[in-house]
Amino acid sequence: MKSTNVLPGAGTREFAGKRAVVTGGTRGIGAAVVRRLLDAGAEVLTTARSAAHTAPSGAAFVAADVRTRAGADSIAAAARETLGGVDLLVHNAGGAQPYESALSMADEVWQEAMELNFLSSVRLNALLAPGMRERGSGAIVHVSSAAVPAVPPPFLHYTAAKAALENYGRGLAAELAPHGIRVNTVSPGRTATPGGEATREQWGRLDPGPRQAAATPPLGRDGAPDDIADAVLFLLSDRAGWLTGSNVVVDGGEFSRV
């Protein structure tokens, strides 16, 4: 049978009538998720600390720092005002800079990693999931990292925070399942994004050895933002209606060698 190369959900308007919030949606994986949701008919509000002009066309935007309580409050208020409520929530904002040694990281570095990669999701869920619970439906996706089991030392602050996020996501899924809300995680491997490339460059300067001369993932290429967006949209969709508490690793087989 000849492939038509039509992406799952593309052109189907399967998210028509759905209201979505995507954090960190102005570039990379987040922007790909926003575009896919818009193409499939959703209303979308996205966030970043600045640079509204880079948000995908058609999405509403709020400038907010997800690392802070005030930022979470601003996003929740904008979602209620702009969308009238939230059906779909994607926690994509995250990241960290590498350090030469986990022992050299100051308390502030650990705290910032936790605020950005873990507590930002906890706070925003606490503000927006109650509305889903009242309506008896909703879907939440946390974006973690396929590197969590590998725990590379220069990113121990990052992988520790993401490990906490994964554990929290499983527990939250159990709590919210009786209310019709599904909570899942997507864990990307090495993905070709501007932020990812900059971080890998910095890591290479800290550790230019064999670990940094990483081979191409077994599937033959680095991931693209749309590869991750495909998994996120599947988990948000009714096609994943019997999936909750899962962690979908999308890494081209990169960490199958760990």
Foldseek 3Di string as FASTA:
>chain_A
DDDPPDAVLAQQLQCAPAEEEFEPQLWFLNVLLVVSNVRSHYAYEYEEQDDPVSRPPRHHYDHADLLDLVRLVRSLVCCCVVVVAHAEYELDFADAAFDLAPVPDDPVRLSSRLSGQAVSVVSNCVRHVVVLLVVLAHEYEYEAAPCLVVCDGRCVSNSVNSVVRLVVQLVVQVVCVVSHYAGEYEHEYFEDIPVSVVRLVNVCVSPVDPVSVQDAQPQGHFHGSNQRSSVSVCRRGCVCSVDHSYYHYHYSNRPVVD
